[in-house]
Amino acid sequence: MTVDTNTVVSLSYKLTNHKTGELIEETAESHPMEFLYGVERIIPTFEVNIHGLKAGDSFEFAIPSAEAYGDKNDDHVALIPISVFFDESGKIDETQIKVGAVLPMTDNEGNHLRGTILEITDETVTMDFNHPLAGTDLYFQGTILTVRAATNEELDHGHSHGAHGHHH
């Protein structure tokens, strides 16, 4: 069976920064990535590059940042009043609120975001809400481990359930 719409794909891969070679993420055959192909939960260009492969096939390809998580957007960097981060006593928890920390936030419309703290001053906290891999050209190397037809339940739910089923 080949990788196609409505198949469940299990694969191992190594993801690096295409420009620098820096390792970003790696999965092992013992803990592979598994997903339902064709339901738009994976980078579309990733799916295009593995389409038609079968178990045992290797893959190797680059995805430019614009086709992955997008380019960095300065509009996604915000200055937030430091008072937003005050606890009940009017102070900030410096173990949590520090440069480099990634925090869950909610915007004015109730959307959940994750932001990285870039700078803290007496008045503001500068946060970057770009995806952590925005602006990064990606390079994937890996192997297709298994390909199987998705079950009706997986198709109904829009995701794979893995080897041991799934409970909602």
Foldseek 3Di string as FASTA:
>chain_A
DADDAQKKWWKWKWKAQPVPRHTDDTDDPVGTDIKGPDLPPAQVVVSVQRGGHFAFDKGKDKAFLCSHQAAFDPVQKDWAFCQVQADPVSDHDPVQDDAQHWDWDADPVGDIFIWGFHDDDPTTTITGRRDPCHRTIMIMIIGTHHMGRADPVCVVVVIGQDDPGHDD
